[in-house]
Amino acid sequence: MSDNNLLGRLDGLDARFEEVSTLITDPSVIADMPRYVRLTKEYKDLERLLKVTNRYRSTLASASDARGLLETESDEELRAMAREELDECQKSLPALEDEIRLLLLPADPEDSKNAILEIRGGTGGDEAAIFAGDLFKMYSKFCESKGWTLAVTSFNEGSAGGFKEIVAAITGDNVYGTLKYESGVHRVQRVPATETQGRVHTSAATVAVLPEAEPFDVEINEGEIKWDTFRSGGAGGQNVNKVESGVRLRYFWKNPNTGESEEILIECTETRDQPKNKERALSRLRTFIYDKEHRKYLDDIASRRKTMVSTGDRSAKIRTYNYPQGRITDHRINYTIYNLPAFMNGEIQDCIDQLTVAENAERLKEAEL
């Protein structure tokens, strides 16, 4: 893409940024929460794009000035400085252009949302539950390194440790946009703690990362929700066992994509406070329905793309953790590293970065077509 074409696409950017800046301070806009949230996100996106655009325009201007000096200046010292300036600008421009092209692509509206993380032990019995527990620790440490807040909403422990399933809510900056690449089947190859003959076993756990729905994203008739309360089990002293703080909701929902009705059952025992548990159960209900209603959107993405970087396909085997070799392989991008202990300690950002690069390259290719 030539400079003129790229600059042409950036025309009107400043005017729109000023317009959005004014709108998000308008009381009538603030009162319309869905619109306000949408405009606030647009403001942040435009602000980021404008910063890169201004650097790009400045670099183009510097390159033009340097060329002018080379054409008109006879002093060799000044010409040498102009050549150095021009070289630096020419090195910087391609990266700036790529960054602008990416920012001009329509962003996934889900990326800025908080997320619900669901991990379930798959094939492998007790070892699968133990591995699900290991994955949960990995994500917990990653969230801690990002400054995100992770709160467990429900769990079912395995008989030999770990979890048969565990669900957590994660809040922070761009949580879903970062963790969406983790959805799928994670496979582990190692000697289980329950193995007496030292044989390597293969087990699996399924990870699902769902964008957390805002109250206005889905319509729920709260009057049709059936609530039950029960005593929570587990650690927490006498209060947990004597007070009915655990909540269970039942809700019949009709899928607009299929026309089929289904009963949704959600339990929440996260806190000792029943109202808080109800609030979090409602949040999970909204997220569950939102995810179901957007399944067609995700399927459409999957059908268009050759890779499975972030389609959210939970049946796809995405990664293998091989303990004897200390190896992690992400099968979507043929990415292999040999730092398994650090990876399981939450150092997964490099892998996510590689997946992001692959995703962005694919999106740029689609946009050019």
Protein backbone atom coordinates (compact mmCIF):
# COMPACT_ATOMS: atom_id res chain seq x y z
CA MET A 1 0.00 0.00 0.00
CA SER A 2 1.47 3.38 -0.94
CA ASP A 3 1.93 6.26 1.50
CA ASN A 4 -0.86 8.22 -0.19
CA ASN A 5 -3.35 5.33 0.05
CA LEU A 6 -2.55 4.74 3.71
CA LEU A 7 -2.75 8.44 4.54
CA GLY A 8 -6.04 8.60 2.62
CA ARG A 9 -7.50 5.97 4.94
CA LEU A 10 -6.44 8.08 7.90
CA ASP A 11 -8.30 11.18 6.69
CA GLY A 12 -11.01 12.29 9.08
CA LEU A 13 -9.45 10.47 12.01
CA ASP A 14 -8.81 13.63 14.04
CA ALA A 15 -12.33 14.94 13.41
CA ARG A 16 -13.93 11.65 14.51
CA PHE A 17 -11.76 11.55 17.64
CA GLU A 18 -12.90 15.05 18.59
CA GLU A 19 -16.52 14.09 17.91
CA VAL A 20 -16.31 10.97 20.10
CA SER A 21 -14.47 12.94 22.82
CA THR A 22 -17.43 15.32 22.98
CA LEU A 23 -20.08 12.61 22.84
CA ILE A 24 -18.76 10.62 25.83
CA THR A 25 -19.20 13.71 28.04
CA ASP A 26 -22.81 14.23 26.91
CA PRO A 27 -25.24 13.33 29.77
CA SER A 28 -27.75 11.81 27.32
CA VAL A 29 -25.05 9.49 25.95
CA ILE A 30 -23.86 8.55 29.46
CA ALA A 31 -27.45 7.62 30.34
CA ASP A 32 -27.57 5.22 27.36
CA MET A 33 -25.16 2.64 28.77
CA PRO A 34 -24.77 0.37 25.69
CA ARG A 35 -24.00 3.41 23.51
CA TYR A 36 -21.69 4.92 26.12
CA VAL A 37 -19.67 1.69 26.43
CA ARG A 38 -19.44 1.41 22.63
CA LEU A 39 -18.24 5.02 22.25
CA THR A 40 -15.77 4.72 25.14
CA LYS A 41 -14.19 1.74 23.41
CA GLU A 42 -14.08 3.64 20.11
CA TYR A 43 -12.41 6.57 21.92
CA LYS A 44 -9.65 4.29 23.26
CA ASP A 45 -9.15 2.65 19.86
CA LEU A 46 -8.98 6.01 18.08
CA GLU A 47 -6.60 7.41 20.68
CA ARG A 48 -4.23 4.50 20.13
CA LEU A 49 -4.50 4.80 16.33
CA LEU A 50 -3.91 8.56 16.45
CA LYS A 51 -0.71 8.16 18.46
CA VAL A 52 0.73 5.79 15.86
CA THR A 53 -0.59 7.95 13.01
CA ASN A 54 1.09 11.06 14.40
CA ARG A 55 4.39 9.17 14.71
CA TYR A 56 3.94 7.97 11.12
CA ARG A 57 3.21 11.46 9.78
CA SER A 58 6.16 12.86 11.72
CA THR A 59 8.48 10.18 10.32
CA LEU A 60 7.26 10.87 6.76
CA ALA A 61 7.90 14.58 7.27
CA SER A 62 11.41 13.92 8.62
CA ALA A 63 12.16 11.65 5.65
CA SER A 64 10.93 14.36 3.25
CA ASP A 65 13.09 17.01 4.97
CA ALA A 66 16.12 14.73 4.79
CA ARG A 67 15.59 14.15 1.06
CA GLY A 68 15.28 17.89 0.54
CA LEU A 69 18.60 18.49 2.28
CA LEU A 70 20.29 15.85 0.15
CA GLU A 71 18.99 17.53 -3.00
CA THR A 72 19.98 21.08 -2.05
CA GLU A 73 22.79 20.93 0.50
CA SER A 74 26.46 20.87 -0.54
CA ASP A 75 27.99 20.65 2.95
CA GLU A 76 29.16 17.04 3.38
CA GLU A 77 28.64 16.97 7.14
CA LEU A 78 25.02 18.10 6.77
CA ARG A 79 24.51 15.64 3.91
CA ALA A 80 25.86 12.80 6.08
CA MET A 81 23.43 13.77 8.87
CA ALA A 82 20.55 13.88 6.34
CA ARG A 83 21.47 10.43 4.99
CA GLU A 84 21.54 9.02 8.53
CA GLU A 85 18.15 10.61 9.29
CA LEU A 86 16.68 9.25 6.05
CA ASP A 87 17.99 5.73 6.77
CA GLU A 88 16.44 5.74 10.25
CA CYS A 89 13.10 6.94 8.88
CA GLN A 90 13.08 4.29 6.13
CA LYS A 91 13.76 1.60 8.71
CA SER A 92 10.91 2.83 10.96
CA LEU A 93 8.22 3.37 8.30
CA PRO A 94 7.39 -0.29 7.41
CA ALA A 95 6.77 -1.22 11.07
CA LEU A 96 4.62 1.88 11.59
CA GLU A 97 2.64 1.10 8.42
CA ASP A 98 2.02 -2.49 9.57
CA GLU A 99 0.89 -1.26 12.99
CA ILE A 100 -1.52 1.22 11.38
CA ARG A 101 -2.94 -1.42 9.02
CA LEU A 102 -3.63 -3.69 12.01
CA LEU A 103 -5.28 -0.89 13.95
CA LEU A 104 -7.44 -0.04 10.92
CA LEU A 105 -8.80 -3.60 10.80
CA PRO A 106 -12.17 -4.00 12.56
CA ALA A 107 -11.39 -5.06 16.12
CA ASP A 108 -13.07 -8.07 17.67
CA PRO A 109 -15.73 -6.39 19.85
CA GLU A 110 -15.24 -9.13 22.44
CA ASP A 111 -11.53 -8.50 23.04
CA SER A 112 -11.90 -5.79 25.68
CA LYS A 113 -14.30 -7.87 27.78
CA ASN A 114 -13.54 -9.71 30.99
CA ALA A 115 -13.63 -13.50 30.69
CA ILE A 116 -14.99 -16.67 32.21
CA LEU A 117 -12.40 -19.46 32.34
CA GLU A 118 -13.68 -23.05 32.42
CA ILE A 119 -11.29 -26.00 32.80
CA ARG A 120 -12.53 -29.60 32.74
CA GLY A 121 -10.62 -32.83 33.08
CA GLY A 122 -11.08 -34.94 29.94
CA THR A 123 -9.77 -38.38 29.05
CA GLY A 124 -7.40 -39.86 31.60
CA GLY A 125 -9.38 -40.20 34.84
CA ASP A 126 -7.56 -39.01 37.96
CA GLU A 127 -4.55 -37.82 35.96
CA ALA A 128 -6.80 -35.64 33.78
CA ALA A 129 -8.19 -33.96 36.91
CA ILE A 130 -4.67 -33.41 38.25
CA PHE A 131 -3.64 -31.88 34.93
CA ALA A 132 -6.74 -29.62 34.98
CA GLY A 133 -5.51 -28.43 38.38
CA ASP A 134 -2.04 -27.78 36.94
CA LEU A 135 -3.55 -25.71 34.12
CA PHE A 136 -5.58 -23.72 36.62
CA LYS A 137 -2.41 -22.92 38.60
CA MET A 138 -0.71 -21.90 35.35
CA TYR A 139 -3.49 -19.47 34.42
CA SER A 140 -3.71 -18.17 38.00
CA LYS A 141 -0.03 -17.24 37.98
CA PHE A 142 -0.35 -15.70 34.50
CA CYS A 143 -3.29 -13.57 35.68
CA GLU A 144 -1.28 -12.50 38.71
CA SER A 145 1.61 -11.41 36.47
CA LYS A 146 -0.83 -9.33 34.37
CA GLY A 147 -2.37 -7.66 37.42
CA TRP A 148 -5.75 -9.26 36.68
CA THR A 149 -8.22 -10.46 39.32
CA LEU A 150 -9.23 -14.13 39.24
CA ALA A 151 -12.18 -15.34 41.33
CA VAL A 152 -13.29 -18.98 41.42
CA THR A 153 -17.06 -19.29 41.03
CA SER A 154 -17.41 -23.09 41.25
CA PHE A 155 -15.28 -26.22 41.32
CA ASN A 156 -15.49 -29.99 41.63
CA GLU A 157 -12.34 -31.56 43.03
CA GLY A 158 -10.83 -34.76 41.69
CA SER A 159 -10.51 -37.79 43.98
CA ALA A 160 -6.70 -37.79 43.63
CA GLY A 161 -6.26 -33.99 43.48
CA GLY A 162 -6.82 -31.30 40.93
CA PHE A 163 -10.28 -30.60 39.55
CA LYS A 164 -12.84 -32.49 37.55
CA GLU A 165 -13.97 -28.99 36.61
CA ILE A 166 -13.31 -25.46 37.79
CA VAL A 167 -14.85 -22.16 36.68
CA ALA A 168 -13.38 -18.72 37.38
CA ALA A 169 -14.16 -15.12 36.48
CA ILE A 170 -11.20 -13.00 35.35
CA THR A 171 -11.33 -9.21 35.32
CA GLY A 172 -8.74 -6.80 33.97
CA ASP A 173 -7.56 -5.07 30.81
CA ASN A 174 -8.19 -6.89 27.52
CA VAL A 175 -8.63 -10.25 29.28
CA TYR A 176 -10.67 -12.05 26.63
CA GLY A 177 -8.54 -10.63 23.80
CA THR A 178 -5.49 -12.19 25.44
CA LEU A 179 -6.85 -15.51 26.69
CA LYS A 180 -9.19 -16.38 23.79
CA TYR A 181 -6.36 -18.34 22.15
CA GLU A 182 -6.43 -20.83 25.06
CA SER A 183 -9.79 -22.40 24.20
CA GLY A 184 -9.44 -26.02 23.12
CA VAL A 185 -8.11 -29.41 24.20
CA HIS A 186 -4.81 -29.40 26.08
CA ARG A 187 -2.98 -32.74 26.07
CA VAL A 188 -0.38 -33.87 28.61
CA GLN A 189 2.17 -36.67 28.28
CA ARG A 190 3.86 -37.70 31.52
CA VAL A 191 4.18 -40.40 34.18
CA PRO A 192 1.16 -39.89 36.44
CA ALA A 193 1.58 -39.78 40.21
CA THR A 194 -0.80 -42.77 40.32
CA GLU A 195 1.38 -44.83 37.94
CA THR A 196 3.40 -47.56 39.68
CA GLN A 197 5.44 -48.85 36.72
CA GLY A 198 6.82 -45.55 35.41
CA ARG A 199 4.92 -45.58 32.12
CA VAL A 200 4.12 -42.35 30.28
CA HIS A 201 0.39 -41.74 29.94
CA THR A 202 -1.51 -39.31 27.75
CA SER A 203 -4.36 -37.36 29.32
CA ALA A 204 -6.30 -34.27 28.36
CA ALA A 205 -8.23 -31.33 29.76
CA THR A 206 -10.55 -28.93 27.99
CA VAL A 207 -10.21 -25.18 28.39
CA ALA A 208 -12.98 -22.76 27.42
CA VAL A 209 -12.52 -18.99 27.58
CA LEU A 210 -15.78 -17.07 27.19
CA PRO A 211 -16.28 -13.31 26.95
CA GLU A 212 -18.17 -12.17 30.04
CA ALA A 213 -21.50 -10.69 29.05
CA GLU A 214 -22.60 -7.28 30.27
CA PRO A 215 -26.15 -7.00 31.65
CA PHE A 216 -27.32 -5.26 28.45
CA ASP A 217 -25.73 -7.86 26.11
CA VAL A 218 -28.51 -10.41 26.65
CA GLU A 219 -32.13 -10.37 27.68
CA ILE A 220 -33.08 -12.49 30.70
CA ASN A 221 -36.48 -12.62 32.33
CA GLU A 222 -35.33 -12.80 35.94
CA GLY A 223 -38.87 -13.58 37.06
CA GLU A 224 -38.57 -16.98 35.35
CA ILE A 225 -35.40 -17.96 37.22
CA LYS A 226 -35.92 -20.66 39.87
CA TRP A 227 -33.55 -20.26 42.81
CA ASP A 228 -32.46 -22.89 45.35
CA THR A 229 -30.08 -22.44 48.25
CA PHE A 230 -27.89 -25.03 49.94
CA ARG A 231 -25.05 -25.33 52.41
CA SER A 232 -21.64 -24.95 50.85
CA GLY A 233 -19.07 -27.64 51.47
CA GLY A 234 -15.31 -27.41 51.80
CA ALA A 235 -13.00 -25.22 53.86
CA GLY A 236 -14.21 -22.08 55.54
CA GLY A 237 -15.11 -22.98 59.10
CA GLN A 238 -18.48 -23.53 60.70
CA ASN A 239 -20.22 -20.76 58.76
CA VAL A 240 -19.84 -22.58 55.42
CA ASN A 241 -21.54 -25.70 56.66
CA LYS A 242 -24.30 -24.11 58.74
CA VAL A 243 -25.44 -21.22 56.51
CA GLU A 244 -27.19 -21.80 53.17
CA SER A 245 -24.91 -19.47 51.24
CA GLY A 246 -24.61 -21.63 48.10
CA VAL A 247 -27.08 -20.84 45.32
CA ARG A 248 -28.41 -22.81 42.37
CA LEU A 249 -30.40 -21.29 39.52
CA ARG A 250 -32.53 -23.01 36.87
CA TYR A 251 -33.54 -21.18 33.74
CA PHE A 252 -35.28 -22.34 30.57
CA TRP A 253 -33.84 -20.61 27.54
CA LYS A 254 -34.72 -20.78 23.84
CA ASN A 255 -31.73 -20.70 21.50
CA PRO A 256 -32.50 -18.14 18.75
CA ASN A 257 -30.05 -19.90 16.38
CA THR A 258 -31.65 -23.35 16.64
CA GLY A 259 -35.10 -22.69 18.08
CA GLU A 260 -34.48 -25.38 20.70
CA SER A 261 -35.19 -24.88 24.39
CA GLU A 262 -32.88 -26.07 27.12
CA GLU A 263 -32.64 -25.92 30.88
CA ILE A 264 -29.60 -24.08 32.21
CA LEU A 265 -28.39 -25.12 35.67
CA ILE A 266 -25.75 -23.00 37.42
CA GLU A 267 -24.35 -23.30 40.95
CA CYS A 268 -22.23 -20.74 42.78
CA THR A 269 -20.54 -21.29 46.14
CA GLU A 270 -17.76 -18.75 45.77
CA THR A 271 -18.48 -16.59 48.81
CA ARG A 272 -20.20 -16.95 52.19
CA ASP A 273 -22.59 -14.18 51.16
CA GLN A 274 -25.73 -15.48 49.44
CA PRO A 275 -26.58 -12.21 47.57
CA LYS A 276 -23.05 -12.09 46.15
CA ASN A 277 -23.34 -15.70 45.03
CA LYS A 278 -26.66 -14.88 43.34
CA GLU A 279 -25.08 -11.93 41.55
CA ARG A 280 -22.21 -14.11 40.30
CA ALA A 281 -24.56 -16.90 39.23
CA LEU A 282 -26.52 -14.34 37.19
CA SER A 283 -23.29 -13.16 35.60
CA ARG A 284 -22.46 -16.74 34.59
CA LEU A 285 -25.99 -17.19 33.19
CA ARG A 286 -25.60 -14.05 31.04
CA THR A 287 -22.20 -15.25 29.82
CA PHE A 288 -23.52 -18.75 29.03
CA ILE A 289 -26.39 -17.36 26.94
CA TYR A 290 -24.16 -14.75 25.28
CA ASP A 291 -21.69 -17.48 24.31
CA LYS A 292 -24.44 -19.69 22.88
CA GLU A 293 -25.94 -16.84 20.86
CA HIS A 294 -22.52 -15.95 19.45
CA ARG A 295 -21.60 -19.53 18.53
CA LYS A 296 -22.80 -18.91 14.95
CA TYR A 297 -20.53 -15.87 14.75
CA LEU A 298 -17.54 -17.97 15.86
CA ASP A 299 -18.47 -20.78 13.46
CA ASP A 300 -18.54 -18.27 10.60
CA ILE A 301 -15.02 -17.16 11.52
CA ALA A 302 -13.84 -20.78 11.64
CA SER A 303 -15.28 -21.52 8.20
CA ARG A 304 -13.44 -18.56 6.68
CA ARG A 305 -10.06 -19.16 8.20
CA LYS A 306 -7.43 -21.73 7.34
CA THR A 307 -5.91 -21.77 10.82
CA MET A 308 -7.64 -22.30 14.14
CA VAL A 309 -5.86 -19.64 16.15
CA SER A 310 -8.83 -18.07 17.89
CA THR A 311 -12.02 -19.65 16.63
CA GLY A 312 -12.99 -20.83 20.09
CA ASP A 313 -13.38 -24.41 18.82
CA ARG A 314 -13.27 -26.39 22.05
CA SER A 315 -12.97 -29.79 20.37
CA ALA A 316 -9.67 -28.96 18.66
CA LYS A 317 -6.44 -30.30 20.16
CA ILE A 318 -4.40 -27.12 20.44
CA ARG A 319 -1.39 -27.88 22.64
CA THR A 320 0.70 -30.75 23.99
CA TYR A 321 2.68 -30.63 27.25
CA ASN A 322 5.38 -33.33 27.12
CA TYR A 323 7.01 -33.70 30.54
CA PRO A 324 9.74 -36.28 29.69
CA GLN A 325 11.11 -33.90 27.03
CA GLY A 326 10.24 -30.67 28.88
CA ARG A 327 8.46 -29.61 25.70
CA ILE A 328 5.35 -27.58 24.86
CA THR A 329 4.00 -27.67 21.30
CA ASP A 330 1.17 -25.49 20.03
CA HIS A 331 -0.19 -27.41 17.05
CA ARG A 332 -1.99 -24.45 15.45
CA ILE A 333 1.21 -22.59 14.57
CA ASN A 334 3.83 -25.37 14.90
CA TYR A 335 5.33 -23.53 17.87
CA THR A 336 7.61 -25.62 20.09
CA ILE A 337 9.59 -24.53 23.14
CA TYR A 338 11.53 -26.45 25.80
CA ASN A 339 10.83 -24.49 28.97
CA LEU A 340 7.91 -26.47 30.37
CA PRO A 341 8.56 -25.70 34.09
CA ALA A 342 8.53 -21.93 33.44
CA PHE A 343 5.50 -22.29 31.16
CA MET A 344 3.53 -24.15 33.83
CA ASN A 345 4.59 -21.41 36.25
CA GLY A 346 2.54 -18.93 34.22
CA GLU A 347 5.11 -17.74 31.68
CA ILE A 348 2.83 -18.21 28.67
CA GLN A 349 2.95 -14.69 27.21
CA ASP A 350 5.48 -15.57 24.49
CA CYS A 351 3.22 -18.32 23.14
CA ILE A 352 0.22 -15.97 23.20
CA ASP A 353 2.31 -13.35 21.38
CA GLN A 354 3.17 -15.88 18.65
CA LEU A 355 -0.51 -16.79 18.29
CA THR A 356 -1.42 -13.10 18.08
CA VAL A 357 1.16 -12.56 15.33
CA ALA A 358 -0.25 -15.52 13.35
CA GLU A 359 -3.80 -14.25 13.83
CA ASN A 360 -2.89 -10.72 12.75
CA ALA A 361 -1.02 -11.96 9.68
CA GLU A 362 -4.12 -13.90 8.68
CA ARG A 363 -6.41 -10.91 9.23
CA LEU A 364 -4.14 -8.66 7.15
CA LYS A 365 -4.10 -11.21 4.34
CA GLU A 366 -7.92 -11.40 4.40
CA ALA A 367 -8.19 -7.61 4.36
CA GLU A 368 -5.91 -7.33 1.32
CA LEU A 369 -8.00 -9.92 -0.53
